[in-house]
Amino acid sequence: MSAQGCTALLTARAAVSASTGTSLYINGELQTDYYAPIDRVWKACEKTARDLRARNLYVDREYRDGSIDATINGNNVHISITYKQNGITSVGIRVGALGDESSSQFLHDLVEENLRTVLKENS
């Protein structure tokens, strides 16, 4: 594929993506920033947990941050949600005690999909 083709593909991906496209896997937690207000990202994270039939759901929400802890498919899941700056919210997901990068990425993919739905509903 030519360099122009790659650039067009990346531009098209960015246009439909709610995330910054940058993820960091640190100490078992996969962190991604989303281009959306914290309230909308929070809704998307809660919807993701509900869609996966999370059990033992514990929500701790403050004004600028919070967390969701749950058991999903037998795994302990911790989702941290933090206001980063106007219109950008950071989400960290850890699956299991030590972390599981592929499972965390799967959950981020669902959060992003749900966020697109939430943003459409509120536009």
N, C-alpha and C. Protein backbone atom coordinates (compact mmCIF):
# COMPACT_ATOMS: atom_id res chain seq x y z
N MET A 1 0.85 -1.17 0.00
CA MET A 1 0.00 0.00 0.00
C MET A 1 0.89 1.23 0.00
N SER A 2 0.52 2.23 -0.74
CA SER A 2 1.32 3.45 -0.83
C SER A 2 1.21 4.26 0.45
N ALA A 3 2.13 5.20 0.63
CA ALA A 3 2.10 6.07 1.80
C ALA A 3 0.82 6.89 1.82
N GLN A 4 0.34 7.31 0.64
CA GLN A 4 -0.90 8.08 0.59
C GLN A 4 -2.08 7.23 1.03
N GLY A 5 -2.08 5.97 0.64
CA GLY A 5 -3.14 5.05 1.04
C GLY A 5 -3.16 4.85 2.55
N CYS A 6 -2.00 4.71 3.15
CA CYS A 6 -1.90 4.55 4.61
C CYS A 6 -2.40 5.80 5.31
N THR A 7 -2.04 6.95 4.81
CA THR A 7 -2.47 8.20 5.42
C THR A 7 -3.98 8.34 5.35
N ALA A 8 -4.56 8.01 4.22
CA ALA A 8 -6.02 8.08 4.07
C ALA A 8 -6.71 7.12 5.02
N LEU A 9 -6.18 5.92 5.17
CA LEU A 9 -6.75 4.93 6.06
C LEU A 9 -6.69 5.42 7.50
N LEU A 10 -5.55 5.96 7.93
CA LEU A 10 -5.41 6.47 9.29
C LEU A 10 -6.35 7.64 9.52
N THR A 11 -6.50 8.51 8.57
CA THR A 11 -7.40 9.65 8.70
C THR A 11 -8.84 9.17 8.84
N ALA A 12 -9.24 8.21 8.02
CA ALA A 12 -10.59 7.67 8.10
C ALA A 12 -10.84 7.00 9.45
N ARG A 13 -9.85 6.29 9.96
CA ARG A 13 -9.98 5.63 11.25
C ARG A 13 -10.15 6.66 12.36
N ALA A 14 -9.38 7.72 12.31
CA ALA A 14 -9.46 8.75 13.34
C ALA A 14 -10.82 9.44 13.32
N ALA A 15 -11.40 9.58 12.15
CA ALA A 15 -12.68 10.27 12.04
C ALA A 15 -13.82 9.50 12.70
N VAL A 16 -13.74 8.19 12.75
CA VAL A 16 -14.81 7.40 13.34
C VAL A 16 -14.47 6.90 14.73
N SER A 17 -13.28 7.16 15.21
CA SER A 17 -12.84 6.68 16.50
C SER A 17 -13.13 7.68 17.60
N ALA A 18 -13.59 7.19 18.74
CA ALA A 18 -13.82 8.05 19.89
C ALA A 18 -12.57 8.13 20.77
N SER A 19 -11.61 7.25 20.54
CA SER A 19 -10.40 7.25 21.35
C SER A 19 -9.28 7.99 20.63
N THR A 20 -8.24 8.29 21.39
CA THR A 20 -7.10 8.98 20.79
C THR A 20 -6.28 8.03 19.94
N GLY A 21 -6.55 6.74 20.07
CA GLY A 21 -5.79 5.76 19.31
C GLY A 21 -4.50 5.36 20.01
N THR A 22 -4.22 5.99 21.14
CA THR A 22 -3.01 5.70 21.89
C THR A 22 -3.38 4.96 23.16
N SER A 23 -2.78 3.81 23.36
CA SER A 23 -2.99 3.04 24.58
C SER A 23 -1.65 2.73 25.21
N LEU A 24 -1.65 2.73 26.53
CA LEU A 24 -0.46 2.36 27.29
C LEU A 24 -0.80 1.21 28.20
N TYR A 25 0.04 0.17 28.19
CA TYR A 25 -0.16 -0.95 29.08
C TYR A 25 0.89 -0.84 30.18
N ILE A 26 0.45 -0.43 31.36
CA ILE A 26 1.37 -0.18 32.47
C ILE A 26 0.91 -0.96 33.69
N ASN A 27 1.80 -1.77 34.24
CA ASN A 27 1.52 -2.52 35.46
C ASN A 27 0.20 -3.28 35.40
N GLY A 28 -0.09 -3.89 34.26
CA GLY A 28 -1.28 -4.71 34.12
C GLY A 28 -2.54 -3.96 33.78
N GLU A 29 -2.44 -2.64 33.58
CA GLU A 29 -3.61 -1.84 33.25
C GLU A 29 -3.44 -1.22 31.88
N LEU A 30 -4.45 -1.36 31.04
CA LEU A 30 -4.43 -0.75 29.71
C LEU A 30 -5.16 0.57 29.78
N GLN A 31 -4.44 1.66 29.49
CA GLN A 31 -4.98 3.01 29.59
C GLN A 31 -5.16 3.61 28.21
N THR A 32 -6.33 4.21 27.99
CA THR A 32 -6.65 4.86 26.73
C THR A 32 -7.39 6.16 27.03
N ASP A 33 -7.10 7.19 26.25
CA ASP A 33 -7.82 8.46 26.36
C ASP A 33 -8.93 8.49 25.31
N TYR A 34 -10.08 9.03 25.72
CA TYR A 34 -11.23 9.16 24.83
C TYR A 34 -11.58 10.63 24.65
N TYR A 35 -11.92 11.01 23.42
CA TYR A 35 -12.34 12.37 23.10
C TYR A 35 -13.81 12.54 23.46
N ALA A 36 -14.10 12.66 24.73
CA ALA A 36 -15.48 12.81 25.17
C ALA A 36 -15.49 13.26 26.62
N PRO A 37 -16.57 13.95 27.02
CA PRO A 37 -16.70 14.35 28.42
C PRO A 37 -16.82 13.14 29.34
N ILE A 38 -16.42 13.32 30.57
CA ILE A 38 -16.40 12.20 31.53
C ILE A 38 -17.79 11.57 31.70
N ASP A 39 -18.85 12.37 31.70
CA ASP A 39 -20.20 11.80 31.89
C ASP A 39 -20.55 10.80 30.79
N ARG A 40 -20.19 11.11 29.57
CA ARG A 40 -20.50 10.21 28.44
C ARG A 40 -19.63 8.96 28.49
N VAL A 41 -18.36 9.13 28.83
CA VAL A 41 -17.46 7.98 28.95
C VAL A 41 -17.93 7.08 30.09
N TRP A 42 -18.35 7.70 31.17
CA TRP A 42 -18.86 6.93 32.32
C TRP A 42 -20.04 6.07 31.89
N LYS A 43 -20.99 6.66 31.16
CA LYS A 43 -22.15 5.91 30.66
C LYS A 43 -21.72 4.73 29.80
N ALA A 44 -20.74 4.96 28.94
CA ALA A 44 -20.26 3.89 28.05
C ALA A 44 -19.62 2.76 28.86
N CYS A 45 -18.88 3.10 29.90
CA CYS A 45 -18.24 2.06 30.73
C CYS A 45 -19.28 1.26 31.50
N GLU A 46 -20.28 1.95 32.06
CA GLU A 46 -21.34 1.25 32.77
C GLU A 46 -22.12 0.34 31.83
N LYS A 47 -22.40 0.83 30.63
CA LYS A 47 -23.12 0.02 29.64
C LYS A 47 -22.31 -1.22 29.28
N THR A 48 -21.02 -1.06 29.15
CA THR A 48 -20.16 -2.21 28.83
C THR A 48 -20.27 -3.26 29.92
N ALA A 49 -20.21 -2.84 31.17
CA ALA A 49 -20.32 -3.79 32.29
C ALA A 49 -21.69 -4.48 32.28
N ARG A 50 -22.75 -3.70 32.06
CA ARG A 50 -24.09 -4.29 32.02
C ARG A 50 -24.25 -5.25 30.85
N ASP A 51 -23.74 -4.85 29.68
CA ASP A 51 -23.86 -5.71 28.49
C ASP A 51 -23.19 -7.06 28.70
N LEU A 52 -22.12 -7.07 29.48
CA LEU A 52 -21.39 -8.32 29.74
C LEU A 52 -21.89 -9.04 30.99
N ARG A 53 -23.02 -8.56 31.52
CA ARG A 53 -23.66 -9.17 32.69
C ARG A 53 -22.71 -9.26 33.88
N ALA A 54 -22.09 -8.13 34.17
CA ALA A 54 -21.16 -8.07 35.29
C ALA A 54 -21.88 -8.40 36.60
N ARG A 55 -21.18 -9.11 37.45
CA ARG A 55 -21.69 -9.44 38.79
C ARG A 55 -20.83 -8.70 39.81
N ASN A 56 -21.31 -8.66 41.04
CA ASN A 56 -20.58 -8.01 42.14
C ASN A 56 -20.15 -6.60 41.73
N LEU A 57 -21.05 -5.88 41.10
CA LEU A 57 -20.76 -4.55 40.58
C LEU A 57 -20.65 -3.55 41.73
N TYR A 58 -19.53 -2.83 41.76
CA TYR A 58 -19.31 -1.78 42.76
C TYR A 58 -18.87 -0.52 42.02
N VAL A 59 -19.63 0.55 42.20
CA VAL A 59 -19.36 1.81 41.52
C VAL A 59 -18.96 2.85 42.56
N ASP A 60 -17.84 3.53 42.31
CA ASP A 60 -17.37 4.60 43.18
C ASP A 60 -17.09 5.81 42.30
N ARG A 61 -18.02 6.76 42.32
CA ARG A 61 -17.89 7.90 41.42
C ARG A 61 -17.76 9.20 42.19
N GLU A 62 -16.79 9.98 41.80
CA GLU A 62 -16.60 11.34 42.30
C GLU A 62 -16.84 12.29 41.13
N TYR A 63 -16.60 13.57 41.34
CA TYR A 63 -16.85 14.56 40.30
C TYR A 63 -15.92 14.38 39.10
N ARG A 64 -14.61 14.21 39.33
CA ARG A 64 -13.63 14.18 38.24
C ARG A 64 -13.04 12.79 38.00
N ASP A 65 -13.45 11.81 38.76
CA ASP A 65 -12.91 10.47 38.56
C ASP A 65 -13.78 9.44 39.28
N GLY A 66 -13.41 8.21 39.11
CA GLY A 66 -14.14 7.15 39.77
C GLY A 66 -13.70 5.79 39.25
N SER A 67 -14.36 4.76 39.74
CA SER A 67 -14.00 3.41 39.30
C SER A 67 -15.22 2.50 39.33
N ILE A 68 -15.11 1.47 38.54
CA ILE A 68 -16.11 0.42 38.49
C ILE A 68 -15.36 -0.89 38.71
N ASP A 69 -15.79 -1.64 39.70
CA ASP A 69 -15.22 -2.96 39.95
C ASP A 69 -16.33 -3.98 39.77
N ALA A 70 -15.99 -5.09 39.12
CA ALA A 70 -17.00 -6.11 38.83
C ALA A 70 -16.33 -7.44 38.55
N THR A 71 -17.14 -8.46 38.51
CA THR A 71 -16.70 -9.77 38.06
C THR A 71 -17.36 -10.01 36.71
N ILE A 72 -16.53 -10.22 35.69
CA ILE A 72 -17.03 -10.47 34.34
C ILE A 72 -16.42 -11.78 33.85
N ASN A 73 -17.28 -12.72 33.50
CA ASN A 73 -16.82 -14.04 33.05
C ASN A 73 -15.82 -14.66 34.02
N GLY A 74 -16.07 -14.50 35.31
CA GLY A 74 -15.22 -15.10 36.34
C GLY A 74 -13.94 -14.34 36.63
N ASN A 75 -13.73 -13.22 35.97
CA ASN A 75 -12.51 -12.42 36.19
C ASN A 75 -12.85 -11.12 36.90
N ASN A 76 -12.01 -10.74 37.86
CA ASN A 76 -12.16 -9.44 38.49
C ASN A 76 -11.72 -8.38 37.51
N VAL A 77 -12.55 -7.36 37.34
CA VAL A 77 -12.26 -6.28 36.40
C VAL A 77 -12.32 -4.95 37.16
N HIS A 78 -11.30 -4.13 36.94
CA HIS A 78 -11.26 -2.79 37.53
C HIS A 78 -11.17 -1.79 36.40
N ILE A 79 -12.12 -0.85 36.37
CA ILE A 79 -12.14 0.21 35.37
C ILE A 79 -12.01 1.54 36.10
N SER A 80 -10.96 2.28 35.80
CA SER A 80 -10.80 3.61 36.39
C SER A 80 -11.08 4.65 35.31
N ILE A 81 -11.82 5.67 35.69
CA ILE A 81 -12.25 6.71 34.75
C ILE A 81 -11.83 8.05 35.35
N THR A 82 -11.06 8.84 34.58
CA THR A 82 -10.50 10.08 35.10
C THR A 82 -10.63 11.21 34.08
N TYR A 83 -11.15 12.34 34.56
CA TYR A 83 -11.18 13.55 33.74
C TYR A 83 -9.73 13.96 33.52
N LYS A 84 -9.36 14.20 32.27
CA LYS A 84 -7.98 14.57 31.94
C LYS A 84 -7.90 16.06 31.60
N GLN A 85 -8.74 16.50 30.71
CA GLN A 85 -8.87 17.91 30.36
C GLN A 85 -10.19 18.05 29.61
N ASN A 86 -10.57 19.27 29.32
CA ASN A 86 -11.85 19.51 28.68
C ASN A 86 -12.02 18.64 27.43
N GLY A 87 -13.00 17.73 27.47
CA GLY A 87 -13.30 16.89 26.32
C GLY A 87 -12.43 15.66 26.18
N ILE A 88 -11.56 15.39 27.15
CA ILE A 88 -10.73 14.18 27.10
C ILE A 88 -10.82 13.47 28.45
N THR A 89 -11.16 12.20 28.40
CA THR A 89 -11.30 11.37 29.59
C THR A 89 -10.42 10.14 29.44
N SER A 90 -9.70 9.81 30.49
CA SER A 90 -8.81 8.65 30.49
C SER A 90 -9.49 7.46 31.15
N VAL A 91 -9.35 6.28 30.53
CA VAL A 91 -9.92 5.06 31.08
C VAL A 91 -8.81 4.02 31.19
N GLY A 92 -8.68 3.45 32.38
CA GLY A 92 -7.74 2.35 32.60
C GLY A 92 -8.52 1.09 32.93
N ILE A 93 -8.16 -0.02 32.30
CA ILE A 93 -8.84 -1.29 32.55
C ILE A 93 -7.82 -2.35 32.90
N ARG A 94 -8.08 -3.04 34.03
CA ARG A 94 -7.25 -4.17 34.45
C ARG A 94 -8.17 -5.37 34.61
N VAL A 95 -7.78 -6.47 33.99
CA VAL A 95 -8.53 -7.72 34.09
C VAL A 95 -7.66 -8.70 34.87
N GLY A 96 -8.18 -9.20 35.99
CA GLY A 96 -7.42 -10.13 36.82
C GLY A 96 -6.44 -9.38 37.72
N ALA A 97 -5.82 -10.11 38.62
CA ALA A 97 -4.91 -9.50 39.59
C ALA A 97 -3.66 -8.93 38.95
N LEU A 98 -3.15 -9.61 37.93
CA LEU A 98 -1.91 -9.17 37.30
C LEU A 98 -2.14 -8.43 35.98
N GLY A 99 -3.36 -8.48 35.48
CA GLY A 99 -3.68 -7.83 34.22
C GLY A 99 -3.63 -8.80 33.06
N ASP A 100 -4.44 -8.55 32.08
CA ASP A 100 -4.50 -9.35 30.87
C ASP A 100 -4.72 -8.36 29.73
N GLU A 101 -3.67 -8.09 28.97
CA GLU A 101 -3.72 -7.03 27.96
C GLU A 101 -4.79 -7.28 26.90
N SER A 102 -4.90 -8.51 26.40
CA SER A 102 -5.87 -8.76 25.33
C SER A 102 -7.31 -8.64 25.84
N SER A 103 -7.57 -9.09 27.06
CA SER A 103 -8.92 -8.94 27.62
C SER A 103 -9.23 -7.47 27.90
N SER A 104 -8.24 -6.73 28.36
CA SER A 104 -8.43 -5.29 28.59
C SER A 104 -8.70 -4.58 27.27
N GLN A 105 -8.00 -4.97 26.21
CA GLN A 105 -8.23 -4.36 24.90
C GLN A 105 -9.63 -4.66 24.39
N PHE A 106 -10.09 -5.89 24.61
CA PHE A 106 -11.45 -6.27 24.24
C PHE A 106 -12.46 -5.36 24.93
N LEU A 107 -12.27 -5.11 26.23
CA LEU A 107 -13.18 -4.24 26.96
C LEU A 107 -13.11 -2.80 26.46
N HIS A 108 -11.90 -2.33 26.15
CA HIS A 108 -11.78 -0.98 25.59
C HIS A 108 -12.51 -0.88 24.25
N ASP A 109 -12.43 -1.90 23.45
CA ASP A 109 -13.14 -1.90 22.17
C ASP A 109 -14.65 -1.76 22.39
N LEU A 110 -15.17 -2.46 23.40
CA LEU A 110 -16.59 -2.37 23.71
C LEU A 110 -16.95 -0.99 24.26
N VAL A 111 -16.07 -0.43 25.11
CA VAL A 111 -16.30 0.91 25.63
C VAL A 111 -16.37 1.91 24.49
N GLU A 112 -15.44 1.81 23.54
CA GLU A 112 -15.43 2.73 22.41
C GLU A 112 -16.70 2.59 21.57
N GLU A 113 -17.13 1.38 21.34
CA GLU A 113 -18.36 1.14 20.58
C GLU A 113 -19.57 1.74 21.31
N ASN A 114 -19.64 1.52 22.61
CA ASN A 114 -20.74 2.07 23.40
C ASN A 114 -20.66 3.59 23.47
N LEU A 115 -19.45 4.12 23.51
CA LEU A 115 -19.28 5.58 23.54
C LEU A 115 -19.81 6.22 22.27
N ARG A 116 -19.55 5.60 21.14
CA ARG A 116 -20.08 6.14 19.88
C ARG A 116 -21.61 6.20 19.93
N THR A 117 -22.24 5.18 20.50
CA THR A 117 -23.70 5.15 20.63
C THR A 117 -24.17 6.26 21.58
N VAL A 118 -23.49 6.41 22.71
CA VAL A 118 -23.86 7.45 23.68
C VAL A 118 -23.71 8.83 23.05
N LEU A 119 -22.63 9.05 22.31
CA LEU A 119 -22.42 10.36 21.70
C LEU A 119 -23.47 10.67 20.64
N LYS A 120 -23.90 9.64 19.88
CA LYS A 120 -24.95 9.85 18.88
C LYS A 120 -26.28 10.19 19.54
N GLU A 121 -26.56 9.54 20.67
CA GLU A 121 -27.82 9.78 21.38
C GLU A 121 -27.88 11.21 21.91
N ASN A 122 -26.73 11.79 22.22
CA ASN A 122 -26.69 13.11 22.83
C ASN A 122 -26.29 14.21 21.85
N SER A 123 -26.33 13.91 20.56
CA SER A 123 -25.94 14.96 19.60
C SER A 123 -27.14 15.66 19.00
